[in-house]
Amino acid sequence: MPDVFVNYRTGDGEETAVAIERELSHRFPGGRIFRAGKSLTPGRLFGPDLITNVRRSGALIAVIGPRWTEYTQLHDEGDWVRKEIEEAFRCAVPVIPVLVGRTTERLREEGLPPSLAPLAACHSIRFDTHDAEYGLRRIGDAVADLVPGLASYERQAGPDAEPGTSPHNSMANVSGATNIQARDIGGDAGGTIIKDVHAPLHLGSGAQHNHAPHLSGDGAQYVAGDNNGGVHHSWNRERRKEDGSR
């Protein structure tokens, strides 16, 4: 059963819904987060599945995009975005409106169908796309507070780590030619972690030389360190085309 149901309107905040589901699924693994575009089972009737998963959830996140109130479907009783939120209210499932961007206004009762009027009174979280990391962390903290027991599923740093903790790096009284400390690492510290990579990485065994320049083509040469002469090269044939270029 899911602990968090992500409600969203396709075409208005859909990208934010995906980001929220991915972040929460990483933080609370084990199928705890439901998003229709990912979680619905092919071949099953989606209507009953949606309602059932709303009822079983401990919280519903309603992603509110800039044009959310402008969609005429919102005033249609058959609209699934509306029906999911109505079912959450009917079952006393806490609803967290997430306002996407800096310009999305807080909801007002007069712009909502009567059945969704309580949504305007729910405390909302603003998701600033310019500071997505902070917003995702805040949403995760909010659902962890709302759903009892969810924190116990929080991704652990290792087999001996306490729930909700992550390793921290520190350096003291070190010496040597090169000392490197990275920022805090959260989750899966026992395996290979690659983040924000903008250059080739060698993850195999043996020496790793990720700082050397890349040279290709006939006649290329690179000398590092002392050069006392004796480096020569020459060619008398037509230069071949590099990397199969035309």
Protein backbone atom coordinates (compact mmCIF):
# COMPACT_ATOMS: atom_id res chain seq x y z
CA MET A 1 0.00 0.00 0.00
CA PRO A 2 1.31 3.50 -0.75
CA ASP A 3 1.96 6.01 2.00
CA VAL A 4 1.86 9.06 -0.28
CA PHE A 5 -0.37 9.68 -3.31
CA VAL A 6 0.87 12.28 -5.83
CA ASN A 7 -2.07 14.04 -7.52
CA TYR A 8 -1.34 16.18 -10.60
CA ARG A 9 -2.80 17.64 -13.78
CA THR A 10 -1.15 16.48 -17.02
CA GLY A 11 0.29 19.56 -18.72
CA ASP A 12 0.28 21.71 -15.59
CA GLY A 13 2.89 20.73 -13.02
CA GLU A 14 3.42 17.25 -14.42
CA GLU A 15 7.23 17.63 -14.37
CA THR A 16 7.12 18.68 -10.73
CA ALA A 17 4.97 15.64 -9.90
CA VAL A 18 7.57 13.37 -11.49
CA ALA A 19 10.39 15.06 -9.56
CA ILE A 20 8.49 14.74 -6.28
CA GLU A 21 7.67 11.08 -6.85
CA ARG A 22 11.27 10.24 -7.78
CA GLU A 23 12.75 12.05 -4.80
CA LEU A 24 10.28 10.58 -2.30
CA SER A 25 10.68 7.10 -3.81
CA HIS A 26 14.44 7.40 -3.36
CA ARG A 27 14.10 8.67 0.21
CA PHE A 28 11.33 6.21 1.17
CA PRO A 29 11.87 3.10 -1.01
CA GLY A 30 9.68 0.04 -1.28
CA GLY A 31 6.73 1.29 -3.32
CA ARG A 32 5.63 3.82 -0.71
CA ILE A 33 4.89 6.58 -3.27
CA PHE A 34 2.06 6.41 -5.82
CA ARG A 35 1.95 8.40 -9.06
CA ALA A 36 -0.57 7.28 -11.69
CA GLY A 37 1.79 7.65 -14.66
CA LYS A 38 4.21 5.21 -13.06
CA SER A 39 2.30 3.13 -10.54
CA LEU A 40 -0.85 1.99 -12.37
CA THR A 41 -0.75 -1.65 -13.47
CA PRO A 42 -1.33 -2.18 -17.23
CA GLY A 43 -4.48 -4.12 -18.00
CA ARG A 44 -6.32 -3.16 -14.81
CA LEU A 45 -9.23 -0.72 -14.54
CA PHE A 46 -7.50 2.51 -13.58
CA GLY A 47 -10.54 4.11 -11.89
CA PRO A 48 -10.90 1.64 -9.01
CA ASP A 49 -7.11 1.49 -8.66
CA LEU A 50 -6.88 5.27 -8.25
CA ILE A 51 -9.64 5.45 -5.65
CA THR A 52 -8.30 2.45 -3.73
CA ASN A 53 -4.81 3.90 -3.54
CA VAL A 54 -6.10 7.29 -2.39
CA ARG A 55 -8.03 5.59 0.42
CA ARG A 56 -4.99 3.59 1.51
CA SER A 57 -2.61 6.56 1.52
CA GLY A 58 -1.48 8.45 4.57
CA ALA A 59 -1.21 11.74 2.68
CA LEU A 60 -2.04 13.18 -0.73
CA ILE A 61 0.18 15.75 -2.46
CA ALA A 62 -1.83 17.97 -4.81
CA VAL A 63 0.54 19.53 -7.34
CA ILE A 64 -0.89 22.95 -8.26
CA GLY A 65 0.60 24.45 -11.42
CA PRO A 66 0.26 28.06 -12.62
CA ARG A 67 -2.88 27.30 -14.69
CA TRP A 68 -4.44 24.71 -12.38
CA THR A 69 -7.62 26.68 -11.64
CA GLU A 70 -8.05 27.62 -15.31
CA TYR A 71 -8.78 24.07 -16.48
CA THR A 72 -12.49 23.67 -17.18
CA GLN A 73 -12.22 19.97 -16.33
CA LEU A 74 -11.92 20.96 -12.69
CA HIS A 75 -15.64 21.75 -12.69
CA ASP A 76 -16.50 18.39 -14.22
CA GLU A 77 -17.55 15.81 -11.63
CA GLY A 78 -15.85 13.10 -13.70
CA ASP A 79 -12.44 14.80 -13.65
CA TRP A 80 -9.95 12.44 -12.03
CA VAL A 81 -7.75 15.18 -10.56
CA ARG A 82 -10.83 16.46 -8.77
CA LYS A 83 -12.14 13.00 -7.80
CA GLU A 84 -8.82 11.99 -6.19
CA ILE A 85 -8.77 15.09 -3.99
CA GLU A 86 -12.46 14.69 -3.11
CA GLU A 87 -11.83 11.09 -2.08
CA ALA A 88 -8.92 12.20 0.12
CA PHE A 89 -11.17 14.69 1.92
CA ARG A 90 -13.93 12.06 2.21
CA CYS A 91 -11.51 9.60 3.84
CA ALA A 92 -9.81 12.21 6.06
CA VAL A 93 -6.48 11.77 4.20
CA PRO A 94 -4.33 14.88 4.78
CA VAL A 95 -3.87 16.94 1.59
CA ILE A 96 -0.73 19.02 0.95
CA PRO A 97 -1.09 21.56 -1.88
CA VAL A 98 2.27 22.16 -3.59
CA LEU A 99 2.32 25.48 -5.45
CA VAL A 100 4.68 25.23 -8.43
CA GLY A 101 6.82 28.30 -9.14
CA ARG A 102 6.95 31.76 -7.69
CA THR A 103 3.89 33.12 -9.49
CA THR A 104 1.32 30.43 -8.66
CA GLU A 105 -1.19 32.05 -6.34
CA ARG A 106 -2.68 30.41 -3.28
CA LEU A 107 -6.03 28.78 -3.94
CA ARG A 108 -9.24 30.65 -3.10
CA GLU A 109 -12.59 29.09 -2.34
CA GLU A 110 -14.43 31.21 -4.89
CA GLY A 111 -12.35 29.73 -7.72
CA LEU A 112 -12.98 26.12 -6.72
CA PRO A 113 -15.92 23.72 -6.95
CA PRO A 114 -17.67 23.52 -3.55
CA SER A 115 -16.37 19.99 -2.98
CA LEU A 116 -12.78 21.26 -3.29
CA ALA A 117 -13.27 24.37 -1.14
CA PRO A 118 -11.35 22.81 1.81
CA LEU A 119 -8.27 22.74 -0.43
CA ALA A 120 -7.98 26.52 -0.07
CA ALA A 121 -7.69 26.13 3.71
CA CYS A 122 -4.94 23.48 3.59
CA HIS A 123 -1.47 24.72 4.45
CA SER A 124 0.53 24.69 1.23
CA ILE A 125 4.20 24.36 0.29
CA ARG A 126 5.70 26.50 -2.44
CA PHE A 127 7.99 24.59 -4.78
CA ASP A 128 10.49 27.02 -6.29
CA THR A 129 12.00 25.44 -9.38
CA HIS A 130 15.09 27.61 -8.86
CA ASP A 131 15.74 25.83 -5.55
CA ALA A 132 14.30 22.39 -6.23
CA GLU A 133 16.58 20.58 -3.78
CA TYR A 134 15.28 22.59 -0.83
CA GLY A 135 11.67 22.20 -1.98
CA LEU A 136 11.92 18.43 -2.39
CA ARG A 137 13.55 18.06 1.02
CA ARG A 138 10.82 20.16 2.61
CA ILE A 139 8.08 18.08 0.99
CA GLY A 140 9.77 14.90 2.18
CA ASP A 141 10.00 16.24 5.72
CA ALA A 142 6.30 17.22 5.62
CA VAL A 143 5.06 13.77 4.60
CA ALA A 144 7.38 12.11 7.12
CA ASP A 145 5.74 14.18 9.86
CA LEU A 146 2.21 13.51 8.58
CA VAL A 147 2.46 9.76 8.02
CA PRO A 148 3.29 7.77 11.16
CA GLY A 149 5.92 5.14 10.54
CA LEU A 150 7.02 6.45 7.14
CA ALA A 151 10.38 7.55 8.55
CA SER A 152 11.16 3.94 9.43
CA TYR A 153 11.35 3.20 5.70
CA GLU A 154 13.72 6.08 5.04
CA ARG A 155 16.69 4.98 2.96
CA GLN A 156 19.60 4.07 5.23
CA ALA A 157 23.23 4.90 4.58
CA GLY A 158 24.48 1.39 5.26
CA PRO A 159 23.73 -1.89 7.08
CA ASP A 160 24.66 -0.47 10.48
CA ALA A 161 23.20 3.00 10.07
CA GLU A 162 20.29 4.24 12.13
CA PRO A 163 17.07 5.08 10.23
CA GLY A 164 17.08 8.59 8.87
CA THR A 165 20.85 9.06 9.16
CA SER A 166 23.49 9.58 6.52
CA PRO A 167 27.30 9.56 6.65
CA HIS A 168 29.21 12.79 7.15
CA ASN A 169 32.79 13.46 6.10
CA SER A 170 35.35 15.17 8.29
CA MET A 171 39.10 15.89 8.12
CA ALA A 172 41.45 16.81 10.92
CA ASN A 173 45.23 16.86 11.37
CA VAL A 174 45.83 15.69 7.82
CA SER A 175 48.98 16.11 5.78
CA GLY A 176 50.14 15.25 2.30
CA ALA A 177 50.30 16.68 -1.16
CA THR A 178 46.57 16.32 -1.88
CA ASN A 179 43.62 16.20 0.53
CA ILE A 180 40.08 16.09 -0.79
CA GLN A 181 36.81 16.20 1.11
CA ALA A 182 33.41 15.98 -0.58
CA ARG A 183 30.08 17.21 0.73
CA ASP A 184 27.75 14.99 2.78
CA ILE A 185 26.64 11.80 1.07
CA GLY A 186 23.19 10.37 1.67
CA GLY A 187 22.12 6.84 0.79
CA ASP A 188 23.87 3.85 -0.78
CA ALA A 189 27.26 4.87 0.54
CA GLY A 190 28.47 1.28 0.23
CA GLY A 191 28.33 1.31 -3.56
CA THR A 192 29.53 3.52 -6.37
CA ILE A 193 28.11 7.03 -6.18
CA ILE A 194 28.32 9.40 -9.16
CA LYS A 195 26.77 12.84 -8.96
CA ASP A 196 27.01 15.94 -11.13
CA VAL A 197 29.56 14.42 -13.51
CA HIS A 198 30.76 16.58 -16.40
CA ALA A 199 33.79 14.59 -17.57
CA PRO A 200 34.73 10.95 -18.32
CA LEU A 201 35.19 8.67 -15.30
CA HIS A 202 37.18 5.45 -15.02
CA LEU A 203 35.48 3.08 -12.53
CA GLY A 204 37.51 -0.05 -13.20
CA SER A 205 40.63 -1.38 -11.53
CA GLY A 206 44.11 0.02 -11.97
CA ALA A 207 45.43 3.54 -12.08
CA GLN A 208 42.97 6.31 -12.76
CA HIS A 209 44.07 9.34 -14.79
CA ASN A 210 41.03 11.59 -15.13
CA HIS A 211 43.04 14.81 -15.41
CA ALA A 212 45.11 14.13 -18.55
CA PRO A 213 44.13 15.81 -21.83
CA HIS A 214 42.53 13.78 -24.60
CA LEU A 215 44.64 13.68 -27.76
CA SER A 216 43.82 11.97 -31.03
CA GLY A 217 44.86 12.08 -34.65
CA ASP A 218 48.17 11.57 -36.48
CA GLY A 219 51.13 13.45 -35.10
CA ALA A 220 49.63 14.30 -31.73
CA GLN A 221 51.98 14.20 -28.76
CA TYR A 222 51.90 15.20 -25.13
CA VAL A 223 54.88 15.61 -22.79
CA ALA A 224 54.45 15.88 -19.02
CA GLY A 225 57.27 16.54 -16.59
CA ASP A 226 60.89 17.11 -17.55
CA ASN A 227 61.78 16.92 -21.23
CA ASN A 228 65.50 16.66 -21.98
CA GLY A 229 65.13 16.23 -25.70
CA GLY A 230 64.95 13.17 -27.87
CA VAL A 231 61.26 13.42 -28.69
CA HIS A 232 60.73 13.23 -32.46
CA HIS A 233 58.01 12.13 -34.83
CA SER A 234 57.39 12.38 -38.55
CA TRP A 235 55.15 10.91 -41.25
CA ASN A 236 55.33 10.85 -45.02
CA ARG A 237 51.92 9.46 -45.92
CA GLU A 238 48.63 11.25 -46.39
CA ARG A 239 47.04 12.12 -43.05
CA ARG A 240 44.17 9.76 -42.33
CA LYS A 241 40.79 11.14 -41.42
CA GLU A 242 40.29 11.25 -37.68
CA ASP A 243 37.57 9.15 -36.01
CA GLY A 244 36.02 8.22 -39.36
CA SER A 245 35.07 11.80 -40.18
CA ARG A 246 34.16 12.80 -43.76
